[in-house]
Amino acid sequence: MPMLGRLDIRRRRGAGSQAKQALIDAEGGRETGCARGRDVPESTPVYPTPSRYCQTVEKHGLTQFYSAPTAIHLLRRLCAHHVEGHDLSTLRNWYNEEVGNRQHAIVDTFHTETNSIVVTPFPGAIEIKPGSATVPVFGIDPVILDPISGKELEGNDVEGVLALSAPWPSITRTNYRDYKRYVETYVKPYPGLFYTGDGAACDEHGYIWSKDRIDDVINVSGHRLSTAEIESALVMHKGVAETAVIAFFTLKPEFAYDPTNETAFTKEPFLQVRKVIGPFAAPKKIYIVSDLPKTRSGKIIRRIMRKTVAGEGDRLGDLSMVAEPGVVDISKKKVAESA
């Protein structure tokens, strides 16, 4: 969940300050370089309107914005005109094309959940490629491994499993009251390395591109397919606003859709995947729904959809993180109707 780092401690207590303000992420200033305090926005990024974040930037004069990509995708889907008319000139780091008019740097980061950032660009010193976290932080030694043999893939222009080969000061050393789980998750898969659980690619310039979680990789006829790769092919269709592969997707509001002729429509995205990736990647079944189960920060909850499609709709587990619980029922109903 994105957080508002608004004021320093004195100002929050009413003493006043001229300190700059920032919108930072859930891990806080240790990872993002902000130490001015923070507040958690209530509700979702689009309530009461999709203009909410822009209004906050303008009102408080925020200089940085740190958020999940899924939240940005959500805002883009709900129309870019919500960005217009707001003074965002105080932002130093923002989304280059949509909001910053190419005047502000995009700073993508990797691995803030289990320790401090290990891969990130240094704006002004390193050329940024949107979508890539670019290069390792000083002292960090990432390696790309073959997912089958576990051997390091040397050189550039390779793709595989991302691991870290040397310890660093903020490395995670255990799970709370469960050291065995820590070893099983991060140490045992590739002895001598810290396993991130992520797929990644290293391009011809040595830039690192984070792919899907390894457990989100599908093996089809000997081809290892990233769910993100299939999702990217699906959203190329002019009528598709959002996807989550197993596969669900929602339509853009302005796209005409006849629910009585769903088979005809689903054929188009099916052919789109065949064209972009290949016949082996085409989904077996496509469900069209009005929305997808998401957290309040806009992240799609794939666990719920996997169980729904598997016929385990009555065993979905904890649903407290779902922003709109009614969306889960919509998905369950759609799957039941298609059975």
Protein backbone atom coordinates (compact mmCIF):
# COMPACT_ATOMS: atom_id res chain seq x y z
CA MET A 1 0.00 0.00 0.00
CA PRO A 2 1.51 3.34 -0.95
CA MET A 3 2.09 5.71 1.96
CA LEU A 4 2.25 9.45 2.32
CA GLY A 5 5.51 10.63 3.85
CA ARG A 6 4.12 14.07 4.57
CA LEU A 7 5.97 15.96 7.24
CA ASP A 8 8.91 15.69 9.56
CA ILE A 9 8.33 14.85 13.23
CA ARG A 10 8.20 18.47 14.42
CA ARG A 11 5.60 19.49 11.89
CA ARG A 12 3.44 16.48 12.58
CA ARG A 13 3.43 17.55 16.23
CA GLY A 14 2.48 21.08 15.26
CA ALA A 15 5.87 22.81 15.59
CA GLY A 16 6.06 23.66 11.89
CA SER A 17 8.77 22.93 9.34
CA GLN A 18 9.84 23.73 5.79
CA ALA A 19 10.88 20.12 5.14
CA LYS A 20 10.13 18.64 1.74
CA GLN A 21 7.49 15.96 1.62
CA ALA A 22 7.30 12.66 -0.21
CA LEU A 23 4.93 9.84 -1.07
CA ILE A 24 6.76 6.64 -0.17
CA ASP A 25 6.07 2.92 -0.02
CA ALA A 26 5.12 0.54 2.75
CA GLU A 27 8.70 -0.31 3.71
CA GLY A 28 9.45 3.29 4.68
CA GLY A 29 12.42 5.61 4.62
CA ARG A 30 15.10 2.97 5.15
CA GLU A 31 14.60 1.70 1.60
CA THR A 32 13.41 4.86 -0.13
CA GLY A 33 15.72 7.47 1.35
CA CYS A 34 12.92 9.40 3.09
CA ALA A 35 13.00 10.11 6.81
CA ARG A 36 10.22 12.65 7.26
CA GLY A 37 7.47 10.43 8.62
CA ARG A 38 4.53 8.94 6.76
CA ASP A 39 0.78 8.44 6.78
CA VAL A 40 -1.25 5.59 5.29
CA PRO A 41 -3.98 6.67 2.84
CA GLU A 42 -7.31 5.08 3.71
CA SER A 43 -9.36 3.06 1.20
CA THR A 44 -8.27 2.49 -2.43
CA PRO A 45 -6.30 4.60 -4.94
CA VAL A 46 -9.50 5.49 -6.81
CA TYR A 47 -11.75 6.57 -3.93
CA PRO A 48 -13.49 8.96 -3.91
CA THR A 49 -12.17 9.59 -7.45
CA PRO A 50 -9.18 8.43 -9.54
CA SER A 51 -7.80 11.98 -9.13
CA ARG A 52 -7.02 11.29 -5.49
CA TYR A 53 -3.26 10.82 -5.73
CA CYS A 54 -2.84 13.84 -7.99
CA GLN A 55 -4.86 15.97 -5.57
CA THR A 56 -2.60 14.83 -2.74
CA VAL A 57 0.56 15.69 -4.68
CA GLU A 58 -0.79 19.15 -5.45
CA LYS A 59 -2.13 19.86 -1.95
CA HIS A 60 0.97 18.82 -0.01
CA GLY A 61 3.64 19.68 -2.60
CA LEU A 62 5.02 16.14 -2.63
CA THR A 63 8.44 15.71 -4.22
CA GLN A 64 8.45 11.92 -4.65
CA PHE A 65 5.88 9.23 -5.37
CA TYR A 66 6.54 5.57 -4.59
CA SER A 67 3.86 3.03 -5.48
CA ALA A 68 3.10 -0.42 -6.88
CA PRO A 69 2.91 -0.72 -10.70
CA THR A 70 -0.52 -2.33 -10.37
CA ALA A 71 -1.89 0.85 -8.82
CA ILE A 72 -0.58 2.86 -11.77
CA HIS A 73 -2.10 0.39 -14.26
CA LEU A 74 -5.42 0.80 -12.46
CA LEU A 75 -5.27 4.59 -12.74
CA ARG A 76 -4.35 4.41 -16.42
CA ARG A 77 -7.30 2.11 -17.10
CA LEU A 78 -9.64 4.65 -15.53
CA CYS A 79 -8.51 7.37 -17.96
CA ALA A 80 -5.54 9.70 -18.00
CA HIS A 81 -7.75 12.82 -17.86
CA HIS A 82 -7.79 12.48 -14.07
CA VAL A 83 -4.14 13.58 -14.13
CA GLU A 84 -4.89 16.74 -16.08
CA GLY A 85 -5.54 20.00 -14.26
CA HIS A 86 -3.37 19.22 -11.24
CA ASP A 87 -0.11 20.95 -10.38
CA LEU A 88 2.46 18.13 -10.15
CA SER A 89 5.51 20.34 -10.67
CA THR A 90 6.92 19.57 -7.20
CA LEU A 91 7.51 15.92 -8.02
CA ARG A 92 11.14 14.99 -8.64
CA ASN A 93 10.54 11.33 -9.44
CA TRP A 94 7.36 10.38 -11.28
CA TYR A 95 6.01 8.35 -14.16
CA ASN A 96 7.81 9.69 -17.17
CA GLU A 97 5.30 9.49 -20.00
CA GLU A 98 1.87 9.72 -18.40
CA VAL A 99 2.45 12.37 -15.78
CA GLY A 100 5.95 13.80 -15.94
CA ASN A 101 6.06 14.80 -19.61
CA ARG A 102 9.50 13.14 -19.75
CA GLN A 103 10.88 15.68 -17.31
CA HIS A 104 11.09 13.37 -14.28
CA ALA A 105 13.02 10.13 -13.80
CA ILE A 106 11.38 6.74 -13.27
CA VAL A 107 13.21 4.96 -10.47
CA ASP A 108 12.32 1.27 -10.49
CA THR A 109 13.52 -0.77 -7.52
CA PHE A 110 13.85 -4.46 -6.74
CA HIS A 111 13.64 -6.46 -3.51
CA THR A 112 12.27 -4.14 -0.84
CA GLU A 113 10.10 -6.82 0.78
CA THR A 114 12.83 -8.88 2.47
CA ASN A 115 15.66 -6.37 2.79
CA SER A 116 16.72 -2.99 1.45
CA ILE A 117 16.82 -2.29 -2.30
CA VAL A 118 19.45 -4.38 -4.11
CA VAL A 119 18.90 -3.30 -7.73
CA THR A 120 18.04 0.28 -8.69
CA PRO A 121 19.13 3.10 -11.02
CA PHE A 122 20.89 6.26 -9.93
CA PRO A 123 19.10 9.09 -11.78
CA GLY A 124 21.48 11.39 -13.58
CA ALA A 125 24.35 8.91 -13.38
CA ILE A 126 22.84 5.86 -15.09
CA GLU A 127 20.68 5.76 -18.21
CA ILE A 128 17.21 4.58 -17.23
CA LYS A 129 15.21 2.01 -19.18
CA PRO A 130 11.52 2.10 -18.15
CA GLY A 131 10.59 -1.32 -16.79
CA SER A 132 14.11 -2.27 -15.73
CA ALA A 133 15.52 -1.86 -12.23
CA THR A 134 18.82 -1.39 -14.13
CA VAL A 135 21.98 -2.29 -12.17
CA PRO A 136 22.96 -3.65 -8.74
CA VAL A 137 23.52 -1.36 -5.79
CA PHE A 138 27.19 -1.12 -4.77
CA GLY A 139 28.36 -4.35 -3.14
CA ILE A 140 25.43 -6.45 -4.41
CA ASP A 141 26.27 -9.40 -6.69
CA PRO A 142 23.17 -10.80 -8.47
CA VAL A 143 23.40 -13.90 -10.67
CA ILE A 144 21.04 -15.40 -13.25
CA LEU A 145 20.65 -19.17 -12.89
CA ASP A 146 19.41 -21.88 -15.20
CA PRO A 147 16.08 -22.91 -13.57
CA ILE A 148 16.71 -26.61 -14.27
CA SER A 149 20.42 -27.15 -13.56
CA GLY A 150 20.87 -24.27 -11.10
CA LYS A 151 24.10 -23.28 -12.86
CA GLU A 152 24.97 -19.62 -13.36
CA LEU A 153 24.26 -18.25 -16.84
CA GLU A 154 27.30 -16.10 -17.47
CA GLY A 155 27.46 -12.97 -19.58
CA ASN A 156 24.66 -10.71 -20.75
CA ASP A 157 21.49 -11.39 -22.74
CA VAL A 158 20.42 -14.31 -20.54
CA GLU A 159 17.20 -15.16 -18.69
CA GLY A 160 16.51 -17.43 -15.74
CA VAL A 161 16.19 -17.39 -11.95
CA LEU A 162 17.53 -14.41 -10.00
CA ALA A 163 19.68 -15.10 -6.94
CA LEU A 164 22.18 -13.10 -4.89
CA SER A 165 25.65 -14.56 -4.42
CA ALA A 166 27.08 -12.56 -1.54
CA PRO A 167 25.71 -11.39 1.82
CA TRP A 168 25.05 -7.71 2.45
CA PRO A 169 24.25 -5.68 5.60
CA SER A 170 20.45 -5.77 5.34
CA ILE A 171 20.05 -9.40 4.24
CA THR A 172 17.09 -11.19 5.79
CA ARG A 173 18.42 -13.70 8.33
CA THR A 174 15.28 -15.50 9.47
CA ASN A 175 11.49 -15.63 9.41
CA TYR A 176 9.74 -14.62 12.60
CA ARG A 177 9.68 -17.70 14.86
CA ASP A 178 10.25 -19.96 11.85
CA TYR A 179 13.93 -20.27 10.94
CA LYS A 180 13.31 -23.61 9.23
CA ARG A 181 10.92 -21.95 6.79
CA TYR A 182 13.53 -19.26 6.09
CA VAL A 183 16.14 -21.89 5.20
CA GLU A 184 13.69 -23.86 3.04
CA THR A 185 12.56 -20.73 1.18
CA TYR A 186 15.71 -18.67 0.65
CA VAL A 187 18.77 -20.87 1.23
CA LYS A 188 18.03 -24.48 0.33
CA PRO A 189 16.84 -24.07 -3.32
CA TYR A 190 20.33 -23.00 -4.47
CA PRO A 191 22.96 -23.72 -1.77
CA GLY A 192 25.39 -20.86 -1.23
CA LEU A 193 23.01 -18.33 -2.80
CA PHE A 194 20.10 -16.22 -1.57
CA TYR A 195 17.06 -17.25 -3.64
CA THR A 196 14.74 -14.36 -4.52
CA GLY A 197 11.92 -16.44 -5.98
CA ASP A 198 11.84 -14.20 -9.06
CA GLY A 199 12.61 -14.80 -12.68
CA ALA A 200 14.80 -12.18 -14.34
CA ALA A 201 16.64 -11.32 -17.52
CA CYS A 202 19.94 -9.54 -18.04
CA ASP A 203 19.98 -7.63 -21.34
CA GLU A 204 22.88 -6.89 -23.66
CA HIS A 205 23.87 -3.86 -21.57
CA GLY A 206 23.86 -5.73 -18.26
CA TYR A 207 20.53 -4.23 -17.12
CA ILE A 208 18.36 -6.49 -14.96
CA TRP A 209 14.69 -6.94 -15.83
CA SER A 210 12.54 -8.58 -13.17
CA LYS A 211 10.02 -11.03 -14.61
CA ASP A 212 7.34 -13.05 -12.83
CA ARG A 213 7.57 -14.95 -9.60
CA ILE A 214 8.89 -18.42 -10.39
CA ASP A 215 5.63 -19.95 -9.16
CA ASP A 216 3.85 -17.84 -11.82
CA VAL A 217 5.73 -19.56 -14.66
CA ILE A 218 3.74 -22.03 -16.75
CA ASN A 219 5.41 -24.98 -18.49
CA VAL A 220 3.60 -25.77 -21.76
CA SER A 221 4.96 -28.36 -24.20
CA GLY A 222 8.50 -27.72 -23.02
CA HIS A 223 8.13 -23.93 -23.22
CA ARG A 224 8.53 -21.97 -19.99
CA LEU A 225 5.97 -19.15 -20.22
CA SER A 226 5.78 -16.19 -17.90
CA THR A 227 2.21 -15.31 -16.99
CA ALA A 228 3.20 -11.66 -17.50
CA GLU A 229 4.24 -12.51 -21.06
CA ILE A 230 0.80 -13.92 -21.86
CA GLU A 231 -0.93 -11.03 -20.09
CA SER A 232 1.06 -8.56 -22.19
CA ALA A 233 -0.11 -10.27 -25.36
CA LEU A 234 -3.75 -10.18 -24.22
CA VAL A 235 -3.78 -6.48 -23.36
CA MET A 236 -2.56 -5.67 -26.87
CA HIS A 237 -6.16 -6.28 -27.94
CA LYS A 238 -7.93 -2.93 -28.24
CA GLY A 239 -10.83 -4.02 -26.03
CA VAL A 240 -8.88 -5.54 -23.13
CA ALA A 241 -8.15 -3.26 -20.18
CA GLU A 242 -6.66 -5.68 -17.65
CA THR A 243 -5.67 -9.34 -17.47
CA ALA A 244 -4.56 -11.95 -14.99
CA VAL A 245 -3.44 -15.21 -16.46
CA ILE A 246 -5.10 -18.21 -15.64
CA ALA A 247 -6.91 -16.26 -17.52
CA PHE A 248 -9.33 -13.54 -16.49
CA PHE A 249 -9.52 -10.11 -18.05
CA THR A 250 -11.73 -7.05 -17.87
CA LEU A 251 -12.81 -4.81 -20.71
CA LYS A 252 -12.26 -1.12 -21.25
CA PRO A 253 -15.40 0.89 -20.39
CA GLU A 254 -15.77 2.24 -23.92
CA PHE A 255 -15.49 -1.14 -25.62
CA ALA A 256 -18.80 -2.56 -26.81
CA TYR A 257 -19.40 -6.13 -25.69
CA ASP A 258 -22.37 -8.40 -26.30
CA PRO A 259 -22.68 -10.89 -23.39
CA THR A 260 -24.89 -13.10 -25.54
CA ASN A 261 -22.00 -13.56 -27.97
CA GLU A 262 -19.10 -14.08 -25.57
CA THR A 263 -17.57 -16.91 -27.60
CA ALA A 264 -17.03 -14.61 -30.58
CA PHE A 265 -15.24 -12.02 -28.48
CA THR A 266 -12.95 -14.41 -26.60
CA LYS A 267 -11.73 -15.78 -29.92
CA GLU A 268 -9.98 -12.47 -30.68
CA PRO A 269 -7.68 -12.41 -27.61
CA PHE A 270 -7.07 -16.13 -28.13
CA LEU A 271 -5.77 -15.42 -31.63
CA GLN A 272 -3.80 -12.45 -30.27
CA VAL A 273 -1.75 -14.72 -27.99
CA ARG A 274 -1.15 -17.20 -30.83
CA LYS A 275 0.12 -14.36 -33.01
CA VAL A 276 2.37 -12.64 -30.44
CA ILE A 277 3.83 -15.69 -28.63
CA GLY A 278 2.78 -18.84 -30.47
CA PRO A 279 0.04 -21.51 -30.60
CA PHE A 280 1.47 -23.29 -27.55
CA ALA A 281 0.75 -20.24 -25.36
CA ALA A 282 -2.91 -19.79 -26.25
CA PRO A 283 -5.21 -20.07 -23.18
CA LYS A 284 -7.58 -23.03 -23.02
CA LYS A 285 -10.34 -20.96 -21.46
CA ILE A 286 -10.99 -17.22 -21.16
CA TYR A 287 -13.46 -15.80 -18.64
CA ILE A 288 -14.76 -12.26 -19.13
CA VAL A 289 -15.61 -10.53 -15.85
CA SER A 290 -16.45 -6.97 -14.84
CA ASP A 291 -13.54 -6.73 -12.39
CA LEU A 292 -10.75 -8.76 -10.79
CA PRO A 293 -10.15 -9.45 -7.08
CA LYS A 294 -7.62 -6.86 -5.87
CA THR A 295 -6.11 -5.53 -2.68
CA ARG A 296 -6.74 -1.92 -1.72
CA SER A 297 -3.49 -0.91 -3.38
CA GLY A 298 -4.64 -2.41 -6.69
CA LYS A 299 -2.67 -5.67 -6.70
CA ILE A 300 -4.48 -8.58 -8.35
CA ILE A 301 -4.95 -11.54 -5.98
CA ARG A 302 -4.22 -14.54 -8.22
CA ARG A 303 -4.55 -17.06 -5.39
CA ILE A 304 -8.29 -16.44 -5.28
CA MET A 305 -8.68 -16.88 -9.03
CA ARG A 306 -6.63 -20.08 -9.12
CA LYS A 307 -8.85 -21.68 -6.48
CA THR A 308 -12.01 -20.39 -8.15
CA VAL A 309 -11.09 -21.93 -11.50
CA ALA A 310 -10.03 -25.17 -9.78
CA GLY A 311 -13.53 -25.51 -8.30
CA GLU A 312 -12.40 -24.58 -4.79
CA GLY A 313 -14.58 -21.49 -4.49
CA ASP A 314 -15.74 -22.60 -1.05
CA ARG A 315 -12.14 -22.81 0.22
CA LEU A 316 -10.69 -19.43 -0.69
CA GLY A 317 -9.24 -18.74 2.76
CA ASP A 318 -8.78 -15.26 4.18
CA LEU A 319 -10.55 -12.62 2.05
CA SER A 320 -9.97 -9.67 4.36
CA MET A 321 -7.46 -8.11 1.95
CA VAL A 322 -9.97 -7.95 -0.93
CA ALA A 323 -11.01 -4.35 -1.60
CA GLU A 324 -14.36 -5.30 -3.16
CA PRO A 325 -15.57 -8.69 -1.80
CA GLY A 326 -18.44 -8.77 -4.31
CA VAL A 327 -15.94 -9.18 -7.13
CA VAL A 328 -15.05 -12.65 -5.81
CA ASP A 329 -18.67 -13.75 -6.16
CA ILE A 330 -18.73 -12.45 -9.74
CA SER A 331 -15.74 -14.63 -10.64
CA LYS A 332 -17.23 -17.68 -8.92
CA LYS A 333 -20.52 -17.20 -10.76
CA LYS A 334 -18.78 -16.83 -14.13
CA VAL A 335 -16.79 -20.04 -13.64
CA ALA A 336 -19.91 -21.92 -12.50
CA GLU A 337 -21.87 -20.76 -15.54
CA SER A 338 -19.09 -21.91 -17.87
CA ALA A 339 -18.73 -25.34 -16.30
